[in-house]
PDB file of N, CA and C in Angstrom:
ATOM      1  N   MET A   1      96.241 134.886  99.265  1.00  0.00           N
ATOM      2  CA  MET A   1      95.102 135.432  98.563  1.00  0.00           C
ATOM      3  C   MET A   1      95.051 136.924  98.838  1.00  0.00           C
ATOM      4  N   MET A   2      94.773 137.664  97.804  1.00  0.00           N
ATOM      5  CA  MET A   2      94.736 139.121  97.901  1.00  0.00           C
ATOM      6  C   MET A   2      93.316 139.585  98.221  1.00  0.00           C
ATOM      7  N   PRO A   3      93.157 140.700  98.903  1.00  0.00           N
ATOM      8  CA  PRO A   3      91.810 141.223  99.174  1.00  0.00           C
ATOM      9  C   PRO A   3      91.067 141.490  97.868  1.00  0.00           C
ATOM     10  N   GLY A   4      89.782 141.099  97.835  1.00  0.00           N
ATOM     11  CA  GLY A   4      88.969 141.292  96.648  1.00  0.00           C
ATOM     12  C   GLY A   4      89.072 140.155  95.649  1.00  0.00           C
ATOM     13  N   GLU A   5      89.998 139.238  95.877  1.00  0.00           N
ATOM     14  CA  GLU A   5      90.156 138.107  94.974  1.00  0.00           C
ATOM     15  C   GLU A   5      89.082 137.064  95.298  1.00  0.00           C
ATOM     16  N   PRO A   6      88.427 136.480  94.276  1.00  0.00           N
ATOM     17  CA  PRO A   6      87.370 135.496  94.554  1.00  0.00           C
ATOM     18  C   PRO A   6      87.931 134.247  95.229  1.00  0.00           C
ATOM     19  N   VAL A   7      87.132 133.679  96.106  1.00  0.00           N
ATOM     20  CA  VAL A   7      87.529 132.465  96.802  1.00  0.00           C
ATOM     21  C   VAL A   7      87.231 131.284  95.894  1.00  0.00           C
ATOM     22  N   THR A   8      88.224 130.459  95.653  1.00  0.00           N
ATOM     23  CA  THR A   8      88.060 129.272  94.809  1.00  0.00           C
ATOM     24  C   THR A   8      88.585 128.060  95.556  1.00  0.00           C
ATOM     25  N   ALA A   9      88.130 126.899  95.149  1.00  0.00           N
ATOM     26  CA  ALA A   9      88.619 125.660  95.748  1.00  0.00           C
ATOM     27  C   ALA A   9      90.032 125.381  95.271  1.00  0.00           C
ATOM     28  N   ILE A  10      90.871 124.973  96.166  1.00  0.00           N
ATOM     29  CA  ILE A  10      92.245 124.626  95.823  1.00  0.00           C
ATOM     30  C   ILE A  10      92.326 123.106  95.779  1.00  0.00           C
ATOM     31  N   ARG A  11      92.803 122.597  94.680  1.00  0.00           N
ATOM     32  CA  ARG A  11      92.879 121.141  94.522  1.00  0.00           C
ATOM     33  C   ARG A  11      94.218 120.649  95.052  1.00  0.00           C
ATOM     34  N   ASN A  12      94.156 119.873  96.121  1.00  0.00           N
ATOM     35  CA  ASN A  12      95.375 119.342  96.724  1.00  0.00           C
ATOM     36  C   ASN A  12      95.677 117.923  96.299  1.00  0.00           C
ATOM     37  N   GLY A  13      94.705 117.244  95.747  1.00  0.00           N
ATOM     38  CA  GLY A  13      94.937 115.861  95.367  1.00  0.00           C
ATOM     39  C   GLY A  13      93.679 115.252  94.811  1.00  0.00           C
ATOM     40  N   PRO A  14      93.675 113.929  94.686  1.00  0.00           N
ATOM     41  CA  PRO A  14      92.492 113.268  94.128  1.00  0.00           C
ATOM     42  C   PRO A  14      91.285 113.416  95.038  1.00  0.00           C
ATOM     43  N   GLY A  15      90.128 113.272  94.452  1.00  0.00           N
ATOM     44  CA  GLY A  15      88.883 113.426  95.196  1.00  0.00           C
ATOM     45  C   GLY A  15      88.114 114.598  94.635  1.00  0.00           C
ATOM     46  N   PRO A  16      86.794 114.556  94.702  1.00  0.00           N
ATOM     47  CA  PRO A  16      85.993 115.602  94.096  1.00  0.00           C
ATOM     48  C   PRO A  16      86.150 116.966  94.774  1.00  0.00           C
ATOM     49  N   ASP A  17      86.503 116.983  96.048  1.00  0.00           N
ATOM     50  CA  ASP A  17      86.642 118.253  96.751  1.00  0.00           C
ATOM     51  C   ASP A  17      88.085 118.733  96.797  1.00  0.00           C
ATOM     52  N   GLY A  18      88.988 117.938  96.273  1.00  0.00           N
ATOM     53  CA  GLY A  18      90.390 118.313  96.276  1.00  0.00           C
ATOM     54  C   GLY A  18      91.075 118.080  97.602  1.00  0.00           C
ATOM     55  N   ASP A  19      90.391 117.397  98.524  1.00  0.00           N
ATOM     56  CA  ASP A  19      91.003 117.166  99.826  1.00  0.00           C
ATOM     57  C   ASP A  19      91.672 115.798  99.918  1.00  0.00           C
ATOM     58  N   GLY A  20      91.680 115.066  98.819  1.00  0.00           N
ATOM     59  CA  GLY A  20      92.316 113.762  98.806  1.00  0.00           C
ATOM     60  C   GLY A  20      91.443 112.650  99.356  1.00  0.00           C
ATOM     61  N   GLN A  21      90.231 112.960  99.765  1.00  0.00           N
ATOM     62  CA  GLN A  21      89.316 111.968 100.330  1.00  0.00           C
ATOM     63  C   GLN A  21      88.236 111.619  99.314  1.00  0.00           C
ATOM     64  N   PRO A  22      87.726 110.375  99.335  1.00  0.00           N
ATOM     65  CA  PRO A  22      86.628 110.030  98.421  1.00  0.00           C
ATOM     66  C   PRO A  22      85.368 110.786  98.797  1.00  0.00           C
ATOM     67  N   SER A  23      84.473 110.932  97.832  1.00  0.00           N
ATOM     68  CA  SER A  23      83.236 111.658  98.100  1.00  0.00           C
ATOM     69  C   SER A  23      82.316 110.822  98.983  1.00  0.00           C
ATOM     70  N   ALA A  24      81.368 111.468  99.628  1.00  0.00           N
ATOM     71  CA  ALA A  24      80.400 110.770 100.478  1.00  0.00           C
ATOM     72  C   ALA A  24      79.577 109.793  99.659  1.00  0.00           C
ATOM     73  N   GLU A  25      79.277 110.135  98.411  1.00  0.00           N
ATOM     74  CA  GLU A  25      78.511 109.239  97.549  1.00  0.00           C
ATOM     75  C   GLU A  25      79.271 107.931  97.319  1.00  0.00           C
ATOM     76  N   ASP A  26      80.598 108.026  97.141  1.00  0.00           N
ATOM     77  CA  ASP A  26      81.393 106.822  96.936  1.00  0.00           C
ATOM     78  C   ASP A  26      81.488 105.986  98.209  1.00  0.00           C
ATOM     79  N   LEU A  27      81.545 106.638  99.363  1.00  0.00           N
ATOM     80  CA  LEU A  27      81.664 105.910 100.621  1.00  0.00           C
ATOM     81  C   LEU A  27      80.394 105.153 100.974  1.00  0.00           C
ATOM     82  N   PHE A  28      79.239 105.715 100.636  1.00  0.00           N
ATOM     83  CA  PHE A  28      77.979 105.120 101.043  1.00  0.00           C
ATOM     84  C   PHE A  28      77.201 104.532  99.876  1.00  0.00           C
ATOM     85  N   LEU A  29      77.884 104.140  98.837  1.00  0.00           N
ATOM     86  CA  LEU A  29      77.261 103.535  97.670  1.00  0.00           C
ATOM     87  C   LEU A  29      76.721 102.163  98.055  1.00  0.00           C
ATOM     88  N   THR A  30      75.410 101.957  97.895  1.00  0.00           N
ATOM     89  CA  THR A  30      74.802 100.682  98.287  1.00  0.00           C
ATOM     90  C   THR A  30      74.488  99.799  97.088  1.00  0.00           C
ATOM     91  N   ARG A  31      74.518 100.350  95.898  1.00  0.00           N
ATOM     92  CA  ARG A  31      74.248  99.540  94.709  1.00  0.00           C
ATOM     93  C   ARG A  31      75.518  98.835  94.273  1.00  0.00           C
ATOM     94  N   ARG A  32      75.351  97.695  93.639  1.00  0.00           N
ATOM     95  CA  ARG A  32      76.516  97.005  93.113  1.00  0.00           C
ATOM     96  C   ARG A  32      76.974  97.720  91.842  1.00  0.00           C
ATOM     97  N   ALA A  33      78.214  97.558  91.512  1.00  0.00           N
ATOM     98  CA  ALA A  33      78.747  98.159  90.293  1.00  0.00           C
ATOM     99  C   ALA A  33      78.183  97.415  89.086  1.00  0.00           C
ATOM    100  N   VAL A  34      77.860  98.153  88.046  1.00  0.00           N
ATOM    101  CA  VAL A  34      77.309  97.532  86.849  1.00  0.00           C
ATOM    102  C   VAL A  34      78.451  97.132  85.917  1.00  0.00           C
ATOM    103  N   THR A  35      78.188  96.120  85.103  1.00  0.00           N
ATOM    104  CA  THR A  35      79.180  95.664  84.149  1.00  0.00           C
ATOM    105  C   THR A  35      79.029  96.455  82.850  1.00  0.00           C
ATOM    106  N   PRO A  36      80.054  96.494  82.017  1.00  0.00           N
ATOM    107  CA  PRO A  36      79.936  97.184  80.734  1.00  0.00           C
ATOM    108  C   PRO A  36      78.798  96.628  79.881  1.00  0.00           C
ATOM    109  N   ALA A  37      78.544  95.330  79.952  1.00  0.00           N
ATOM    110  CA  ALA A  37      77.458  94.730  79.178  1.00  0.00           C
ATOM    111  C   ALA A  37      76.100  95.246  79.654  1.00  0.00           C
ATOM    112  N   GLU A  38      75.946  95.429  80.962  1.00  0.00           N
ATOM    113  CA  GLU A  38      74.684  95.960  81.496  1.00  0.00           C
ATOM    114  C   GLU A  38      74.466  97.406  81.049  1.00  0.00           C
ATOM    115  N   VAL A  39      75.538  98.183  81.024  1.00  0.00           N
ATOM    116  CA  VAL A  39      75.440  99.568  80.555  1.00  0.00           C
ATOM    117  C   VAL A  39      75.037  99.589  79.084  1.00  0.00           C
ATOM    118  N   ARG A  40      75.687  98.738  78.276  1.00  0.00           N
ATOM    119  CA  ARG A  40      75.372  98.660  76.853  1.00  0.00           C
ATOM    120  C   ARG A  40      73.910  98.285  76.625  1.00  0.00           C
ATOM    121  N   ASP A  41      73.441  97.248  77.330  1.00  0.00           N
ATOM    122  CA  ASP A  41      72.061  96.807  77.159  1.00  0.00           C
ATOM    123  C   ASP A  41      71.065  97.881  77.583  1.00  0.00           C
ATOM    124  N   GLU A  42      71.341  98.585  78.673  1.00  0.00           N
ATOM    125  CA  GLU A  42      70.425  99.636  79.125  1.00  0.00           C
ATOM    126  C   GLU A  42      70.385 100.784  78.119  1.00  0.00           C
ATOM    127  N   MET A  43      71.522 101.136  77.552  1.00  0.00           N
ATOM    128  CA  MET A  43      71.542 102.199  76.538  1.00  0.00           C
ATOM    129  C   MET A  43      70.753 101.774  75.305  1.00  0.00           C
ATOM    130  N   ARG A  44      70.899 100.519  74.900  1.00  0.00           N
ATOM    131  CA  ARG A  44      70.143 100.028  73.739  1.00  0.00           C
ATOM    132  C   ARG A  44      68.646 100.021  74.029  1.00  0.00           C
ATOM    133  N   ARG A  45      68.248  99.642  75.265  1.00  0.00           N
ATOM    134  CA  ARG A  45      66.828  99.674  75.638  1.00  0.00           C
ATOM    135  C   ARG A  45      66.275 101.099  75.562  1.00  0.00           C
ATOM    136  N   GLN A  46      67.047 102.066  76.062  1.00  0.00           N
ATOM    137  CA  GLN A  46      66.599 103.457  76.056  1.00  0.00           C
ATOM    138  C   GLN A  46      66.499 104.024  74.650  1.00  0.00           C
ATOM    139  N   MET A  47      67.260 103.455  73.714  1.00  0.00           N
ATOM    140  CA  MET A  47      67.176 103.898  72.321  1.00  0.00           C
ATOM    141  C   MET A  47      66.070 103.181  71.563  1.00  0.00           C
ATOM    142  N   GLY A  48      65.348 102.282  72.247  1.00  0.00           N
ATOM    143  CA  GLY A  48      64.203 101.644  71.635  1.00  0.00           C
ATOM    144  C   GLY A  48      64.460 100.277  71.047  1.00  0.00           C
ATOM    145  N   GLU A  49      65.657  99.763  71.191  1.00  0.00           N
ATOM    146  CA  GLU A  49      65.947  98.431  70.670  1.00  0.00           C
ATOM    147  C   GLU A  49      65.387  97.371  71.609  1.00  0.00           C
ATOM    148  N   ASP A  50      65.052  96.228  71.034  1.00  0.00           N
ATOM    149  CA  ASP A  50      64.532  95.117  71.826  1.00  0.00           C
ATOM    150  C   ASP A  50      65.705  94.277  72.311  1.00  0.00           C
ATOM    151  N   VAL A  51      66.027  94.427  73.578  1.00  0.00           N
ATOM    152  CA  VAL A  51      67.143  93.701  74.177  1.00  0.00           C
ATOM    153  C   VAL A  51      66.572  92.707  75.179  1.00  0.00           C
ATOM    154  N   PRO A  52      66.866  91.407  75.008  1.00  0.00           N
ATOM    155  CA  PRO A  52      66.326  90.431  75.960  1.00  0.00           C
ATOM    156  C   PRO A  52      66.919  90.638  77.351  1.00  0.00           C
ATOM    157  N   ARG A  53      66.080  90.497  78.339  1.00  0.00           N
ATOM    158  CA  ARG A  53      66.532  90.608  79.731  1.00  0.00           C
ATOM    159  C   ARG A  53      67.282  89.334  80.109  1.00  0.00           C
ATOM    160  N   PRO A  54      68.270  89.433  81.019  1.00  0.00           N
ATOM    161  CA  PRO A  54      68.974  88.224  81.447  1.00  0.00           C
ATOM    162  C   PRO A  54      68.030  87.293  82.202  1.00  0.00           C
ATOM    163  N   LEU A  55      68.316  85.991  82.115  1.00  0.00           N
ATOM    164  CA  LEU A  55      67.488  85.023  82.803  1.00  0.00           C
ATOM    165  C   LEU A  55      67.610  85.191  84.310  1.00  0.00           C
ATOM    166  N   ARG A  56      66.479  85.067  84.975  1.00  0.00           N
ATOM    167  CA  ARG A  56      66.456  85.177  86.426  1.00  0.00           C
ATOM    168  C   ARG A  56      66.851  83.825  87.011  1.00  0.00           C
ATOM    169  N   PRO A  57      67.702  83.813  88.034  1.00  0.00           N
ATOM    170  CA  PRO A  57      68.063  82.532  88.632  1.00  0.00           C
ATOM    171  C   PRO A  57      66.849  81.915  89.326  1.00  0.00           C
ATOM    172  N   PRO A  58      66.818  80.583  89.439  1.00  0.00           N
ATOM    173  CA  PRO A  58      65.660  79.945  90.072  1.00  0.00           C
ATOM    174  C   PRO A  58      65.545  80.340  91.543  1.00  0.00           C
ATOM    175  N   ASP A  59      64.316  80.300  92.057  1.00  0.00           N
ATOM    176  CA  ASP A  59      64.072  80.652  93.450  1.00  0.00           C
ATOM    177  C   ASP A  59      64.584  79.590  94.410  1.00  0.00           C
ATOM    178  N   HIS A  60      64.725  78.364  93.941  1.00  0.00           N
ATOM    179  CA  HIS A  60      65.201  77.272  94.788  1.00  0.00           C
ATOM    180  C   HIS A  60      66.149  76.395  93.975  1.00  0.00           C
ATOM    181  N   PRO A  61      67.040  75.687  94.634  1.00  0.00           N
ATOM    182  CA  PRO A  61      67.986  74.839  93.896  1.00  0.00           C
ATOM    183  C   PRO A  61      67.286  73.649  93.260  1.00  0.00           C
ATOM    184  N   ASP A  62      67.879  73.143  92.190  1.00  0.00           N
ATOM    185  CA  ASP A  62      67.345  71.976  91.506  1.00  0.00           C
ATOM    186  C   ASP A  62      67.689  70.727  92.317  1.00  0.00           C
ATOM    187  N   THR A  63      66.668  70.047  92.798  1.00  0.00           N
ATOM    188  CA  THR A  63      66.878  68.853  93.627  1.00  0.00           C
ATOM    189  C   THR A  63      66.434  67.581  92.917  1.00  0.00           C
ATOM    190  N   SER A  64      66.195  67.632  91.614  1.00  0.00           N
ATOM    191  CA  SER A  64      65.677  66.463  90.898  1.00  0.00           C
ATOM    192  C   SER A  64      66.669  65.295  90.944  1.00  0.00           C
ATOM    193  N   GLU A  65      67.959  65.553  90.819  1.00  0.00           N
ATOM    194  CA  GLU A  65      68.941  64.465  90.870  1.00  0.00           C
ATOM    195  C   GLU A  65      68.951  63.823  92.250  1.00  0.00           C
ATOM    196  N   LEU A  66      68.903  64.612  93.296  1.00  0.00           N
ATOM    197  CA  LEU A  66      68.882  64.085  94.654  1.00  0.00           C
ATOM    198  C   LEU A  66      67.611  63.251  94.907  1.00  0.00           C
ATOM    199  N   ARG A  67      66.485  63.732  94.422  1.00  0.00           N
ATOM    200  CA  ARG A  67      65.236  62.966  94.584  1.00  0.00           C
ATOM    201  C   ARG A  67      65.325  61.642  93.835  1.00  0.00           C
ATOM    202  N   GLY A  68      65.932  61.631  92.678  1.00  0.00           N
ATOM    203  CA  GLY A  68      66.081  60.396  91.917  1.00  0.00           C
ATOM    204  C   GLY A  68      66.958  59.390  92.647  1.00  0.00           C
ATOM    205  N   ARG A  69      68.053  59.860  93.228  1.00  0.00           N
ATOM    206  CA  ARG A  69      68.947  58.977  93.972  1.00  0.00           C
ATOM    207  C   ARG A  69      68.251  58.386  95.211  1.00  0.00           C
ATOM    208  N   LEU A  70      67.404  59.174  95.829  1.00  0.00           N
ATOM    209  CA  LEU A  70      66.706  58.706  97.027  1.00  0.00           C
ATOM    210  C   LEU A  70      65.475  57.876  96.692  1.00  0.00           C
ATOM    211  N   GLY A  71      65.112  57.824  95.417  1.00  0.00           N
ATOM    212  CA  GLY A  71      63.959  57.046  94.984  1.00  0.00           C
ATOM    213  C   GLY A  71      62.637  57.705  95.320  1.00  0.00           C
ATOM    214  N   LEU A  72      62.633  59.017  95.363  1.00  0.00           N
ATOM    215  CA  LEU A  72      61.392  59.762  95.662  1.00  0.00           C
ATOM    216  C   LEU A  72      60.672  60.174  94.414  1.00  0.00           C
TER     217      LEU A  72
END
């Protein structure tokens, strides 16, 4: 580097900082990755379309068959 030349980042490899290491955001990501369908539905919601929300799983397992077998 010559005197008076601006200091710039030198890219040595993959990674946002050019140091070949993943970013801190990628290392400490706590959210699960979203699926393409979830991205599509969220974009449609933001554009004002009526998109049904996915069904929520039950809070407890279905035990009706087991109760029937036990005669309860």
